[in-house]
PDB file of all heavy atoms in Angstrom:
ATOM      1  N   VAL A   1       7.470   1.222   7.054  1.00  0.00           N
ATOM      2  CA  VAL A   1       8.507   0.222   7.380  1.00  0.00           C
ATOM      3  C   VAL A   1       9.713   0.941   7.990  1.00  0.00           C
ATOM      4  O   VAL A   1      10.714   1.197   7.315  1.00  0.00           O
ATOM      5  CB  VAL A   1       8.913  -0.593   6.134  1.00  0.00           C
ATOM      6  CG1 VAL A   1       7.908  -1.685   5.847  1.00  0.00           C
ATOM      7  CG2 VAL A   1       9.059   0.296   4.905  1.00  0.00           C
ATOM      8  N   PRO A   2       9.636   1.284   9.262  1.00  0.00           N
ATOM      9  CA  PRO A   2      10.731   2.057   9.893  1.00  0.00           C
ATOM     10  C   PRO A   2      12.044   1.298  10.001  1.00  0.00           C
ATOM     11  O   PRO A   2      13.080   1.901  10.253  1.00  0.00           O
ATOM     12  CB  PRO A   2      10.170   2.395  11.280  1.00  0.00           C
ATOM     13  CG  PRO A   2       9.131   1.345  11.538  1.00  0.00           C
ATOM     14  CD  PRO A   2       8.525   1.020  10.208  1.00  0.00           C
ATOM     15  N   GLY A   3      12.039  -0.013   9.793  1.00  0.00           N
ATOM     16  CA  GLY A   3      13.272  -0.788   9.938  1.00  0.00           C
ATOM     17  C   GLY A   3      14.118  -0.846   8.694  1.00  0.00           C
ATOM     18  O   GLY A   3      15.077  -1.623   8.636  1.00  0.00           O
ATOM     19  N   ILE A   4      13.798  -0.046   7.667  1.00  0.00           N
ATOM     20  CA  ILE A   4      14.539  -0.078   6.401  1.00  0.00           C
ATOM     21  C   ILE A   4      15.277   1.236   6.198  1.00  0.00           C
ATOM     22  O   ILE A   4      14.730   2.316   6.457  1.00  0.00           O
ATOM     23  CB  ILE A   4      13.581  -0.313   5.215  1.00  0.00           C
ATOM     24  CG1 ILE A   4      13.098  -1.752   5.209  1.00  0.00           C
ATOM     25  CG2 ILE A   4      14.266  -0.021   3.884  1.00  0.00           C
ATOM     26  CD1 ILE A   4      12.160  -2.075   4.075  1.00  0.00           C
ATOM     27  N   ASP A   5      16.512   1.140   5.739  1.00  0.00           N
ATOM     28  CA  ASP A   5      17.240   2.310   5.262  1.00  0.00           C
ATOM     29  C   ASP A   5      16.824   2.512   3.803  1.00  0.00           C
ATOM     30  O   ASP A   5      17.348   1.882   2.887  1.00  0.00           O
ATOM     31  CB  ASP A   5      18.751   2.082   5.355  1.00  0.00           C
ATOM     32  CG  ASP A   5      19.549   3.212   4.726  1.00  0.00           C
ATOM     33  OD1 ASP A   5      18.950   4.278   4.460  1.00  0.00           O
ATOM     34  OD2 ASP A   5      20.759   3.024   4.480  1.00  0.00           O
ATOM     35  N   ALA A   6      15.828   3.368   3.583  1.00  0.00           N
ATOM     36  CA  ALA A   6      15.209   3.495   2.255  1.00  0.00           C
ATOM     37  C   ALA A   6      15.969   4.413   1.312  1.00  0.00           C
ATOM     38  O   ALA A   6      15.542   4.601   0.165  1.00  0.00           O
ATOM     39  CB  ALA A   6      13.775   4.006   2.408  1.00  0.00           C
ATOM     40  N   ARG A   7      17.074   5.002   1.741  1.00  0.00           N
ATOM     41  CA  ARG A   7      17.871   5.907   0.894  1.00  0.00           C
ATOM     42  C   ARG A   7      17.012   7.025   0.321  1.00  0.00           C
ATOM     43  O   ARG A   7      16.935   7.246  -0.886  1.00  0.00           O
ATOM     44  CB  ARG A   7      18.563   5.128  -0.215  1.00  0.00           C
ATOM     45  CG  ARG A   7      19.571   4.099   0.240  1.00  0.00           C
ATOM     46  CD  ARG A   7      20.689   4.718   1.076  1.00  0.00           C
ATOM     47  NE  ARG A   7      21.344   5.813   0.400  1.00  0.00           N
ATOM     48  CZ  ARG A   7      22.366   5.667  -0.438  1.00  0.00           C
ATOM     49  NH1 ARG A   7      22.826   4.449  -0.679  1.00  0.00           N
ATOM     50  NH2 ARG A   7      22.927   6.722  -1.002  1.00  0.00           N
ATOM     51  N   GLU A   8      16.330   7.740   1.212  1.00  0.00           N
ATOM     52  CA  GLU A   8      15.483   8.837   0.747  1.00  0.00           C
ATOM     53  C   GLU A   8      16.279   9.912   0.028  1.00  0.00           C
ATOM     54  O   GLU A   8      15.726  10.640  -0.804  1.00  0.00           O
ATOM     55  CB  GLU A   8      14.721   9.442   1.931  1.00  0.00           C
ATOM     56  CG  GLU A   8      13.618   8.541   2.458  1.00  0.00           C
ATOM     57  CD  GLU A   8      12.694   9.271   3.422  1.00  0.00           C
ATOM     58  OE1 GLU A   8      12.851  10.508   3.563  1.00  0.00           O
ATOM     59  OE2 GLU A   8      11.818   8.621   4.014  1.00  0.00           O
ATOM     60  N   ASP A   9      17.595  10.004   0.320  1.00  0.00           N
ATOM     61  CA  ASP A   9      18.416  10.986  -0.387  1.00  0.00           C
ATOM     62  C   ASP A   9      18.447  10.692  -1.877  1.00  0.00           C
ATOM     63  O   ASP A   9      18.422  11.611  -2.719  1.00  0.00           O
ATOM     64  CB  ASP A   9      19.839  10.988   0.185  1.00  0.00           C
ATOM     65  CG  ASP A   9      20.497   9.620   0.141  1.00  0.00           C
ATOM     66  OD1 ASP A   9      19.793   8.607   0.297  1.00  0.00           O
ATOM     67  OD2 ASP A   9      21.729   9.562  -0.046  1.00  0.00           O
ATOM     68  N   VAL A  10      18.468   9.393  -2.241  1.00  0.00           N
ATOM     69  CA  VAL A  10      18.465   9.017  -3.654  1.00  0.00           C
ATOM     70  C   VAL A  10      17.117   9.352  -4.284  1.00  0.00           C
ATOM     71  O   VAL A  10      17.041   9.876  -5.401  1.00  0.00           O
ATOM     72  CB  VAL A  10      18.779   7.515  -3.798  1.00  0.00           C
ATOM     73  CG1 VAL A  10      18.659   7.078  -5.263  1.00  0.00           C
ATOM     74  CG2 VAL A  10      20.172   7.214  -3.268  1.00  0.00           C
ATOM     75  N   LEU A  11      16.031   9.066  -3.562  1.00  0.00           N
ATOM     76  CA  LEU A  11      14.705   9.347  -4.099  1.00  0.00           C
ATOM     77  C   LEU A  11      14.495  10.847  -4.330  1.00  0.00           C
ATOM     78  O   LEU A  11      13.932  11.257  -5.348  1.00  0.00           O
ATOM     79  CB  LEU A  11      13.632   8.808  -3.148  1.00  0.00           C
ATOM     80  CG  LEU A  11      13.740   7.332  -2.724  1.00  0.00           C
ATOM     81  CD1 LEU A  11      12.494   6.888  -1.970  1.00  0.00           C
ATOM     82  CD2 LEU A  11      13.969   6.434  -3.922  1.00  0.00           C
ATOM     83  N   ARG A  12      14.958  11.647  -3.405  1.00  0.00           N
ATOM     84  CA  ARG A  12      14.801  13.101  -3.585  1.00  0.00           C
ATOM     85  C   ARG A  12      15.657  13.615  -4.741  1.00  0.00           C
ATOM     86  O   ARG A  12      15.280  14.572  -5.424  1.00  0.00           O
ATOM     87  CB  ARG A  12      15.158  13.826  -2.284  1.00  0.00           C
ATOM     88  CG  ARG A  12      14.199  13.502  -1.147  1.00  0.00           C
ATOM     89  CD  ARG A  12      14.385  14.403   0.065  1.00  0.00           C
ATOM     90  NE  ARG A  12      13.565  13.965   1.170  1.00  0.00           N
ATOM     91  CZ  ARG A  12      12.249  14.193   1.271  1.00  0.00           C
ATOM     92  NH1 ARG A  12      11.626  14.879   0.322  1.00  0.00           N
ATOM     93  NH2 ARG A  12      11.581  13.756   2.324  1.00  0.00           N
ATOM     94  N   ALA A  13      16.814  12.985  -4.976  1.00  0.00           N
ATOM     95  CA  ALA A  13      17.638  13.373  -6.121  1.00  0.00           C
ATOM     96  C   ALA A  13      16.919  13.067  -7.428  1.00  0.00           C
ATOM     97  O   ALA A  13      16.986  13.853  -8.392  1.00  0.00           O
ATOM     98  CB  ALA A  13      18.983  12.639  -6.069  1.00  0.00           C
ATOM     99  N   VAL A  14      16.178  11.938  -7.498  1.00  0.00           N
ATOM    100  CA  VAL A  14      15.398  11.609  -8.698  1.00  0.00           C
ATOM    101  C   VAL A  14      14.329  12.666  -8.922  1.00  0.00           C
ATOM    102  O   VAL A  14      14.103  13.136 -10.054  1.00  0.00           O
ATOM    103  CB  VAL A  14      14.774  10.210  -8.565  1.00  0.00           C
ATOM    104  CG1 VAL A  14      13.829   9.931  -9.741  1.00  0.00           C
ATOM    105  CG2 VAL A  14      15.856   9.142  -8.499  1.00  0.00           C
ATOM    106  N   LEU A  15      13.637  13.061  -7.858  1.00  0.00           N
ATOM    107  CA  LEU A  15      12.623  14.109  -7.979  1.00  0.00           C
ATOM    108  C   LEU A  15      13.237  15.428  -8.436  1.00  0.00           C
ATOM    109  O   LEU A  15      12.634  16.176  -9.220  1.00  0.00           O
ATOM    110  CB  LEU A  15      11.922  14.315  -6.633  1.00  0.00           C
ATOM    111  CG  LEU A  15      10.972  13.206  -6.166  1.00  0.00           C
ATOM    112  CD1 LEU A  15      10.528  13.470  -4.730  1.00  0.00           C
ATOM    113  CD2 LEU A  15       9.755  13.107  -7.082  1.00  0.00           C
ATOM    114  N   ALA A  16      14.440  15.718  -7.971  1.00  0.00           N
ATOM    115  CA  ALA A  16      15.059  17.020  -8.253  1.00  0.00           C
ATOM    116  C   ALA A  16      15.524  17.148  -9.690  1.00  0.00           C
ATOM    117  O   ALA A  16      15.288  18.177 -10.336  1.00  0.00           O
ATOM    118  CB  ALA A  16      16.227  17.256  -7.299  1.00  0.00           C
ATOM    119  N   ASP A  17      16.215  16.117 -10.225  1.00  0.00           N
ATOM    120  CA  ASP A  17      16.806  16.285 -11.562  1.00  0.00           C
ATOM    121  C   ASP A  17      16.228  15.368 -12.637  1.00  0.00           C
ATOM    122  O   ASP A  17      16.582  15.463 -13.807  1.00  0.00           O
ATOM    123  CB  ASP A  17      18.326  16.094 -11.491  1.00  0.00           C
ATOM    124  CG  ASP A  17      18.739  14.707 -11.004  1.00  0.00           C
ATOM    125  OD1 ASP A  17      17.933  13.772 -11.082  1.00  0.00           O
ATOM    126  OD2 ASP A  17      19.891  14.576 -10.532  1.00  0.00           O
ATOM    127  N   GLY A  18      15.351  14.462 -12.236  1.00  0.00           N
ATOM    128  CA  GLY A  18      14.712  13.608 -13.231  1.00  0.00           C
ATOM    129  C   GLY A  18      15.560  12.474 -13.748  1.00  0.00           C
ATOM    130  O   GLY A  18      15.114  11.724 -14.625  1.00  0.00           O
ATOM    131  N   GLU A  19      16.768  12.313 -13.217  1.00  0.00           N
ATOM    132  CA  GLU A  19      17.642  11.229 -13.663  1.00  0.00           C
ATOM    133  C   GLU A  19      17.252   9.934 -12.958  1.00  0.00           C
ATOM    134  O   GLU A  19      17.227   9.889 -11.726  1.00  0.00           O
ATOM    135  CB  GLU A  19      19.104  11.556 -13.358  1.00  0.00           C
ATOM    136  CG  GLU A  19      19.687  12.677 -14.193  1.00  0.00           C
ATOM    137  CD  GLU A  19      19.827  12.284 -15.650  1.00  0.00           C
ATOM    138  OE1 GLU A  19      20.072  11.082 -15.928  1.00  0.00           O
ATOM    139  OE2 GLU A  19      19.685  13.161 -16.514  1.00  0.00           O
ATOM    140  N   PRO A  20      16.934   8.864 -13.701  1.00  0.00           N
ATOM    141  CA  PRO A  20      16.632   7.588 -13.048  1.00  0.00           C
ATOM    142  C   PRO A  20      17.840   7.096 -12.249  1.00  0.00           C
ATOM    143  O   PRO A  20      18.981   7.312 -12.634  1.00  0.00           O
ATOM    144  CB  PRO A  20      16.332   6.649 -14.228  1.00  0.00           C
ATOM    145  CG  PRO A  20      16.022   7.547 -15.381  1.00  0.00           C
ATOM    146  CD  PRO A  20      16.838   8.780 -15.172  1.00  0.00           C
ATOM    147  N   ARG A  21      17.559   6.444 -11.136  1.00  0.00           N
ATOM    148  CA  ARG A  21      18.639   5.932 -10.294  1.00  0.00           C
ATOM    149  C   ARG A  21      18.282   4.563  -9.755  1.00  0.00           C
ATOM    150  O   ARG A  21      17.098   4.232  -9.590  1.00  0.00           O
ATOM    151  CB  ARG A  21      18.915   6.888  -9.122  1.00  0.00           C
ATOM    152  CG  ARG A  21      19.613   8.180  -9.522  1.00  0.00           C
ATOM    153  CD  ARG A  21      19.744   9.099  -8.314  1.00  0.00           C
ATOM    154  NE  ARG A  21      20.575  10.249  -8.585  1.00  0.00           N
ATOM    155  CZ  ARG A  21      20.138  11.345  -9.202  1.00  0.00           C
ATOM    156  NH1 ARG A  21      18.895  11.420  -9.624  1.00  0.00           N
ATOM    157  NH2 ARG A  21      20.960  12.376  -9.404  1.00  0.00           N
ATOM    158  N   GLU A  22      19.328   3.781  -9.474  1.00  0.00           N
ATOM    159  CA  GLU A  22      19.171   2.489  -8.829  1.00  0.00           C
ATOM    160  C   GLU A  22      19.908   2.524  -7.497  1.00  0.00           C
ATOM    161  O   GLU A  22      20.941   3.186  -7.365  1.00  0.00           O
ATOM    162  CB  GLU A  22      19.723   1.367  -9.707  1.00  0.00           C
ATOM    163  CG  GLU A  22      18.983   1.208 -11.028  1.00  0.00           C
ATOM    164  CD  GLU A  22      19.465   0.013 -11.830  1.00  0.00           C
ATOM    165  OE1 GLU A  22      20.111  -0.870 -11.236  1.00  0.00           O
ATOM    166  OE2 GLU A  22      19.195  -0.033 -13.039  1.00  0.00           O
ATOM    167  N   THR A  23      19.366   1.802  -6.523  1.00  0.00           N
ATOM    168  CA  THR A  23      20.011   1.789  -5.219  1.00  0.00           C
ATOM    169  C   THR A  23      19.668   0.491  -4.492  1.00  0.00           C
ATOM    170  O   THR A  23      18.701  -0.196  -4.840  1.00  0.00           O
ATOM    171  CB  THR A  23      19.566   2.997  -4.362  1.00  0.00           C
ATOM    172  OG1 THR A  23      20.308   3.005  -3.142  1.00  0.00           O
ATOM    173  CG2 THR A  23      18.088   2.911  -4.024  1.00  0.00           C
ATOM    174  N   THR A  24      20.471   0.146  -3.519  1.00  0.00           N
ATOM    175  CA  THR A  24      20.230  -1.031  -2.693  1.00  0.00           C
ATOM    176  C   THR A  24      19.912  -0.578  -1.272  1.00  0.00           C
ATOM    177  O   THR A  24      20.613   0.273  -0.715  1.00  0.00           O
ATOM    178  CB  THR A  24      21.464  -1.955  -2.677  1.00  0.00           C
ATOM    179  OG1 THR A  24      21.718  -2.398  -4.008  1.00  0.00           O
ATOM    180  CG2 THR A  24      21.222  -3.166  -1.794  1.00  0.00           C
ATOM    181  N   SER A  25      18.851  -1.128  -0.707  1.00  0.00           N
ATOM    182  CA  SER A  25      18.488  -0.810   0.667  1.00  0.00           C
ATOM    183  C   SER A  25      18.453  -2.113   1.471  1.00  0.00           C
ATOM    184  O   SER A  25      18.392  -3.211   0.909  1.00  0.00           O
ATOM    185  CB  SER A  25      17.136  -0.104   0.735  1.00  0.00           C
ATOM    186  OG  SER A  25      16.133  -0.886   0.098  1.00  0.00           O
ATOM    187  N   SER A  26      18.490  -1.998   2.776  1.00  0.00           N
ATOM    188  CA  SER A  26      18.508  -3.192   3.615  1.00  0.00           C
ATOM    189  C   SER A  26      17.832  -2.910   4.938  1.00  0.00           C
ATOM    190  O   SER A  26      17.594  -1.753   5.309  1.00  0.00           O
ATOM    191  CB  SER A  26      19.950  -3.648   3.848  1.00  0.00           C
ATOM    192  OG  SER A  26      20.645  -2.695   4.629  1.00  0.00           O
ATOM    193  N   GLY A  27      17.530  -3.989   5.653  1.00  0.00           N
ATOM    194  CA  GLY A  27      16.902  -3.866   6.957  1.00  0.00           C
ATOM    195  C   GLY A  27      15.833  -4.916   7.129  1.00  0.00           C
ATOM    196  O   GLY A  27      15.931  -6.030   6.604  1.00  0.00           O
ATOM    197  N   HIS A  28      14.759  -4.555   7.853  1.00  0.00           N
ATOM    198  CA  HIS A  28      13.644  -5.471   8.105  1.00  0.00           C
ATOM    199  C   HIS A  28      12.332  -4.741   7.886  1.00  0.00           C
ATOM    200  O   HIS A  28      12.178  -3.579   8.270  1.00  0.00           O
ATOM    201  CB  HIS A  28      13.683  -6.014   9.531  1.00  0.00           C
ATOM    202  CG  HIS A  28      14.775  -7.022   9.742  1.00  0.00           C
ATOM    203  ND1 HIS A  28      14.700  -8.306   9.269  1.00  0.00           N
ATOM    204  CD2 HIS A  28      15.982  -6.921  10.367  1.00  0.00           C
ATOM    205  CE1 HIS A  28      15.797  -8.957   9.588  1.00  0.00           C
ATOM    206  NE2 HIS A  28      16.600  -8.140  10.261  1.00  0.00           N
ATOM    207  N   THR A  29      11.393  -5.420   7.248  1.00  0.00           N
ATOM    208  CA  THR A  29      10.036  -4.900   7.122  1.00  0.00           C
ATOM    209  C   THR A  29       9.182  -5.548   8.213  1.00  0.00           C
ATOM    210  O   THR A  29       9.679  -6.253   9.098  1.00  0.00           O
ATOM    211  CB  THR A  29       9.459  -5.210   5.731  1.00  0.00           C
ATOM    212  OG1 THR A  29       9.286  -6.637   5.611  1.00  0.00           O
ATOM    213  CG2 THR A  29      10.404  -4.728   4.638  1.00  0.00           C
ATOM    214  N   ARG A  30       7.851  -5.353   8.105  1.00  0.00           N
ATOM    215  CA  ARG A  30       6.947  -5.971   9.084  1.00  0.00           C
ATOM    216  C   ARG A  30       6.620  -7.424   8.725  1.00  0.00           C
ATOM    217  O   ARG A  30       5.951  -8.116   9.495  1.00  0.00           O
ATOM    218  CB  ARG A  30       5.664  -5.136   9.184  1.00  0.00           C
ATOM    219  CG  ARG A  30       5.920  -3.698   9.649  1.00  0.00           C
ATOM    220  CD  ARG A  30       4.614  -2.930   9.744  1.00  0.00           C
ATOM    221  NE  ARG A  30       4.844  -1.507   9.952  1.00  0.00           N
ATOM    222  CZ  ARG A  30       5.003  -0.926  11.142  1.00  0.00           C
ATOM    223  NH1 ARG A  30       4.982  -1.684  12.235  1.00  0.00           N
ATOM    224  NH2 ARG A  30       5.200   0.369  11.233  1.00  0.00           N
ATOM    225  N   ALA A  31       7.097  -7.866   7.556  1.00  0.00           N
ATOM    226  CA  ALA A  31       6.876  -9.252   7.162  1.00  0.00           C
ATOM    227  C   ALA A  31       7.801 -10.170   7.954  1.00  0.00           C
ATOM    228  O   ALA A  31       8.959  -9.821   8.227  1.00  0.00           O
ATOM    229  CB  ALA A  31       7.121  -9.418   5.668  1.00  0.00           C
ATOM    230  N   LEU A  32       7.286 -11.347   8.301  1.00  0.00           N
ATOM    231  CA  LEU A  32       8.094 -12.300   9.055  1.00  0.00           C
ATOM    232  C   LEU A  32       9.218 -12.838   8.173  1.00  0.00           C
ATOM    233  O   LEU A  32       9.021 -13.099   6.983  1.00  0.00           O
ATOM    234  CB  LEU A  32       7.215 -13.454   9.559  1.00  0.00           C
ATOM    235  CG  LEU A  32       6.133 -13.082  10.592  1.00  0.00           C
ATOM    236  CD1 LEU A  32       5.290 -14.308  10.931  1.00  0.00           C
ATOM    237  CD2 LEU A  32       6.770 -12.485  11.844  1.00  0.00           C
TER     238      LEU A  32
END
């Protein structure tokens, strides 16, 4: 889904330190 700002920086931070995180993303998927 290239049309979404998925906040990969947040996901990599979860992988790095194990702290659960919540985030909001926006954009468009391939769904109508």
